Amino acid sequence: MDQFAIIGLDLLAIALLAFGVYYPRHRRRDLAIAFVGVNVGVLAVSMVLGSSTVSAGLGLGLFGVLSIIRLRSREIEQSEVAYYLASLAIGLIAGLSGTLTLISAGLIALIVAVIAIVDSPALLRRSREQALVLDRAYTDETELFDAVERVIGVRPHVVSVRSLDLVSDTTLVDIRYSAPRAGSRSDAASSPAVAEVGEVTATRAGASAAGQASRAAATLEVTR
C-alpha cells in the first residue's frame, strides 16, 4: 500500500507540474506530455532497480544518456530544461524511496513549488531576451548599443554579437533588456496621433462649416 501511495503522489505532482504550472504558461502540449512520460518512466525503472540486483548506478546512467539525447534532438528553452530536470527528480525521489515518507513528500512538494515560483510571470516580468538582425555590420561596440537602442526604444543591458557579416553588411546579436513600464512610452507615442486626429477633425469641421455657408448663400440667391 505504501508503494501505491508514493506512486499516487508522484502522479499527482507531475500532473500539477505539467498541466497545472507548465501548460497554462507556455502552451506546449508536446512538452507537457514529454514531462509526464519521462517522470513515469524514471519512476518505473527506479522502482524496479531498487528491488533487483541490477546496479542502480548503471540504470540511472542510461537514463541520463537518454535524457541528454532527447534534449538535444530539438531546441528548447532553458526554462523548459528545468521542467525536464524537475520531472526526472520527482520520478527518482518517488522511485528510490519506494514508500511514502515525510522526507520524500516534502522534497517532491518543494520541487513543484520552486518551479511554480521561479517560472511565475510576475517574477522579472519586464526582463526580455531576443535575437536581432541589424541591417549594418557594426564593428564599434558603442555604435552597436546605440543602434539596438534605436530599434527597441530602450537601452539594452547586454548585447552579444553572434554573427558579423561584412559581405552582406548585417549583424546578428542576442540582446537582453528591460521592457518599459506600462504607459511610459504610450503617452509619447499617442500624442502625435491625437494631434493629428484633432487637426483632421478641425479641418473637416471647417470644411463642413464652409459647405453649409455656401449652401445657405445659394439658397438665398435662389429665393431672391
Protein backbone atom coordinates (compact mmCIF):
# COMPACT_ATOMS: atom_id res chain seq x y z
CA MET A 1 0.00 0.00 0.00
CA ASP A 2 2.90 2.34 0.71
CA GLN A 3 4.16 1.85 -2.84
CA PHE A 4 0.77 2.76 -4.25
CA ALA A 5 0.78 5.88 -2.07
CA ILE A 6 4.15 7.07 -3.39
CA ILE A 7 3.06 6.30 -6.97
CA GLY A 8 -0.11 8.31 -6.44
CA LEU A 9 1.89 11.22 -5.00
CA ASP A 10 4.25 11.11 -7.98
CA LEU A 11 1.39 11.15 -10.49
CA LEU A 12 -0.30 13.99 -8.65
CA ALA A 13 2.92 16.01 -8.55
CA ILE A 14 3.79 15.54 -12.22
CA ALA A 15 0.20 16.29 -13.30
CA LEU A 16 0.29 19.50 -11.29
CA LEU A 17 3.71 20.43 -12.70
CA ALA A 18 2.91 19.64 -16.35
CA PHE A 19 -0.74 20.61 -16.68
CA GLY A 20 -1.21 22.99 -13.77
CA VAL A 21 2.01 25.01 -13.99
CA TYR A 22 3.77 24.49 -17.33
CA TYR A 23 0.98 24.20 -19.90
CA PRO A 24 -1.09 27.25 -18.83
CA ARG A 25 2.04 29.40 -19.05
CA HIS A 26 3.83 28.02 -22.14
CA ARG A 27 1.06 26.24 -24.10
CA ARG A 28 3.22 23.42 -25.50
CA ARG A 29 1.25 20.18 -25.44
CA ASP A 30 4.16 18.07 -26.69
CA LEU A 31 6.47 19.03 -23.85
CA ALA A 32 3.75 18.65 -21.22
CA ILE A 33 3.25 15.06 -22.39
CA ALA A 34 7.03 14.53 -22.51
CA PHE A 35 7.38 15.65 -18.89
CA VAL A 36 4.77 13.12 -17.79
CA GLY A 37 6.35 10.34 -19.87
CA VAL A 38 9.85 10.98 -18.57
CA ASN A 39 8.61 11.11 -14.99
CA VAL A 40 6.61 7.88 -15.16
CA GLY A 41 9.42 6.09 -16.98
CA VAL A 42 12.01 7.12 -14.42
CA LEU A 43 9.64 6.19 -11.60
CA ALA A 44 9.04 2.68 -13.00
CA VAL A 45 12.68 1.91 -13.76
CA SER A 46 13.99 3.30 -10.46
CA MET A 47 11.46 1.22 -8.51
CA VAL A 48 12.47 -1.92 -10.43
CA LEU A 49 16.18 -1.20 -9.96
CA GLY A 50 15.64 -0.60 -6.27
CA SER A 51 14.13 -4.07 -5.86
CA SER A 52 16.58 -6.04 -8.07
CA THR A 53 20.25 -6.90 -8.16
CA VAL A 54 20.93 -4.68 -11.18
CA SER A 55 23.22 -1.77 -10.39
CA ALA A 56 21.21 1.35 -9.75
CA GLY A 57 24.09 3.48 -11.00
CA LEU A 58 24.01 1.72 -14.35
CA GLY A 59 20.28 2.28 -14.75
CA LEU A 60 20.44 5.93 -13.76
CA GLY A 61 23.40 6.45 -16.09
CA LEU A 62 21.43 5.02 -19.01
CA PHE A 63 18.52 7.32 -18.22
CA GLY A 64 20.90 10.27 -18.08
CA VAL A 65 22.25 9.47 -21.56
CA LEU A 66 18.74 9.05 -22.97
CA SER A 67 17.65 12.33 -21.42
CA ILE A 68 20.59 14.19 -22.96
CA ILE A 69 19.81 12.72 -26.40
CA ARG A 70 16.15 13.71 -26.09
CA LEU A 71 17.01 17.25 -25.02
CA ARG A 72 19.44 17.67 -27.91
CA SER A 73 17.01 16.35 -30.53
CA ARG A 74 15.16 19.66 -30.67
CA GLU A 75 15.99 23.11 -29.42
CA ILE A 76 14.01 24.06 -26.31
CA GLU A 77 14.16 26.94 -23.88
CA GLN A 78 16.33 26.78 -20.78
CA SER A 79 13.24 27.16 -18.61
CA GLU A 80 11.84 24.02 -20.24
CA VAL A 81 15.06 22.16 -19.41
CA ALA A 82 14.33 22.99 -15.78
CA TYR A 83 10.93 21.31 -16.14
CA TYR A 84 12.63 18.24 -17.60
CA LEU A 85 15.05 18.03 -14.68
CA ALA A 86 12.22 18.56 -12.20
CA SER A 87 10.25 15.71 -13.81
CA LEU A 88 13.30 13.45 -13.57
CA ALA A 89 13.95 14.42 -9.96
CA ILE A 90 10.36 13.78 -8.90
CA GLY A 91 10.41 10.34 -10.53
CA LEU A 92 13.75 9.45 -8.94
CA ILE A 93 12.71 10.56 -5.47
CA ALA A 94 9.45 8.63 -5.64
CA GLY A 95 11.02 5.53 -7.20
CA LEU A 96 14.07 5.28 -4.96
CA SER A 97 12.07 6.00 -1.83
CA GLY A 98 9.81 3.03 -2.50
CA THR A 99 7.38 4.08 0.21
CA LEU A 100 5.71 7.32 1.12
CA THR A 101 7.71 9.16 3.77
CA LEU A 102 7.64 12.67 5.10
CA ILE A 103 11.01 13.47 3.51
CA SER A 104 10.06 12.19 0.05
CA ALA A 105 6.71 14.01 0.12
CA GLY A 106 8.38 17.21 1.29
CA LEU A 107 11.07 17.07 -1.41
CA ILE A 108 8.52 16.44 -4.17
CA ALA A 109 6.35 19.31 -2.95
CA LEU A 110 9.45 21.52 -2.73
CA ILE A 111 10.39 20.85 -6.37
CA VAL A 112 6.90 21.66 -7.67
CA ALA A 113 6.62 24.79 -5.52
CA VAL A 114 10.05 26.15 -6.51
CA ILE A 115 9.43 25.67 -10.24
CA ALA A 116 6.00 27.29 -9.93
CA ILE A 117 7.51 30.32 -8.17
CA VAL A 118 10.64 30.91 -10.24
CA ASP A 119 8.72 30.48 -13.54
CA SER A 120 5.95 32.82 -12.46
CA PRO A 121 5.15 35.61 -14.97
CA ALA A 122 5.18 38.07 -12.07
CA LEU A 123 8.87 37.37 -11.39
CA LEU A 124 11.15 39.58 -13.51
CA ARG A 125 8.21 40.25 -15.83
CA ARG A 126 9.95 43.18 -17.57
CA SER A 127 13.04 41.17 -18.44
CA ARG A 128 13.35 40.43 -22.16
CA GLU A 129 15.75 38.44 -24.34
CA GLN A 130 15.67 38.12 -28.12
CA ALA A 131 17.75 37.73 -31.26
CA LEU A 132 18.02 40.74 -33.54
CA VAL A 133 19.38 41.16 -37.08
CA LEU A 134 20.68 44.64 -37.87
CA ASP A 135 20.98 45.86 -41.45
CA ARG A 136 24.56 47.00 -40.96
CA ALA A 137 27.84 45.42 -39.87
CA TYR A 138 28.76 47.14 -36.60
CA THR A 139 32.36 46.78 -35.50
CA ASP A 140 32.20 49.51 -32.86
CA GLU A 141 30.53 48.49 -29.59
CA THR A 142 29.19 51.95 -28.80
CA GLU A 143 27.58 52.29 -32.22
CA LEU A 144 26.14 48.80 -31.81
CA PHE A 145 24.48 49.67 -28.49
CA ASP A 146 23.12 52.91 -29.98
CA ALA A 147 21.71 51.06 -32.99
CA VAL A 148 19.98 48.48 -30.81
CA GLU A 149 18.56 51.25 -28.63
CA ARG A 150 17.12 52.98 -31.69
CA VAL A 151 15.42 49.75 -32.75
CA ILE A 152 13.91 48.62 -29.42
CA GLY A 153 13.47 52.08 -27.87
CA VAL A 154 15.33 51.33 -24.61
CA ARG A 155 18.98 50.94 -23.64
CA PRO A 156 19.92 47.23 -23.66
CA HIS A 157 21.71 45.67 -20.71
CA VAL A 158 23.69 43.13 -22.74
CA VAL A 159 24.39 42.89 -26.47
CA SER A 160 26.21 39.75 -27.62
CA VAL A 161 27.36 39.55 -31.25
CA ARG A 162 26.58 36.13 -32.73
CA SER A 163 27.46 36.86 -36.34
CA LEU A 164 29.16 39.78 -38.08
CA ASP A 165 28.81 39.57 -41.88
CA LEU A 166 30.85 42.23 -43.67
CA VAL A 167 29.80 40.92 -47.09
CA SER A 168 26.04 41.22 -46.66
CA ASP A 169 26.51 44.08 -44.17
CA THR A 170 24.45 42.56 -41.33
CA THR A 171 24.95 41.90 -37.62
CA LEU A 172 23.20 39.17 -35.66
CA VAL A 173 23.03 39.88 -31.93
CA ASP A 174 21.40 38.50 -28.82
CA ILE A 175 20.10 41.27 -26.61
CA ARG A 176 18.84 41.46 -23.04
CA TYR A 177 16.88 44.45 -21.83
CA SER A 178 14.08 45.59 -19.56
CA ALA A 179 10.78 46.42 -21.22
CA PRO A 180 9.50 49.94 -20.47
CA ARG A 181 6.87 50.31 -17.81
CA ALA A 182 3.26 50.43 -18.92
CA GLY A 183 2.34 53.94 -20.06
CA SER A 184 5.89 55.25 -20.15
CA ARG A 185 6.04 55.31 -23.97
CA SER A 186 2.37 55.05 -24.84
CA ASP A 187 1.65 58.68 -23.93
CA ALA A 188 4.51 59.98 -26.03
CA ALA A 189 3.59 57.71 -28.89
CA SER A 190 -0.09 58.57 -28.78
CA SER A 191 0.28 62.37 -28.55
CA PRO A 192 1.19 62.89 -32.25
CA ALA A 193 -1.71 60.66 -33.22
CA VAL A 194 -4.06 62.65 -31.01
CA ALA A 195 -2.80 65.91 -32.50
CA GLU A 196 -3.22 64.54 -35.99
CA VAL A 197 -6.73 63.35 -35.25
CA GLY A 198 -7.57 66.74 -33.78
CA GLU A 199 -6.19 68.51 -36.83
CA VAL A 200 -8.17 66.26 -39.18
CA THR A 201 -11.33 66.82 -37.14
CA ALA A 202 -10.82 70.59 -37.18
CA THR A 203 -10.23 70.52 -40.93
CA ARG A 204 -13.39 68.51 -41.51
CA ALA A 205 -15.35 70.82 -39.23
CA GLY A 206 -14.07 73.85 -41.16
CA ALA A 207 -14.95 72.24 -44.46
CA SER A 208 -18.42 71.37 -43.17
CA ALA A 209 -18.99 74.95 -42.00
CA ALA A 210 -17.81 76.33 -45.33
CA GLY A 211 -20.13 73.95 -47.17
CA GLN A 212 -23.09 74.98 -45.04
CA ALA A 213 -22.30 78.66 -45.65
CA SER A 214 -22.10 78.16 -49.42
CA ARG A 215 -25.38 76.21 -49.44
CA ALA A 216 -27.05 78.96 -47.42
CA ALA A 217 -25.78 81.61 -49.86
CA ALA A 218 -27.06 79.58 -52.81
CA THR A 219 -30.47 79.19 -51.16
CA LEU A 220 -30.65 82.95 -50.51
CA GLU A 221 -29.76 83.67 -54.13
CA VAL A 222 -32.46 81.33 -55.44
CA THR A 223 -35.04 82.93 -53.10
CA ARG A 224 -34.24 86.34 -54.39
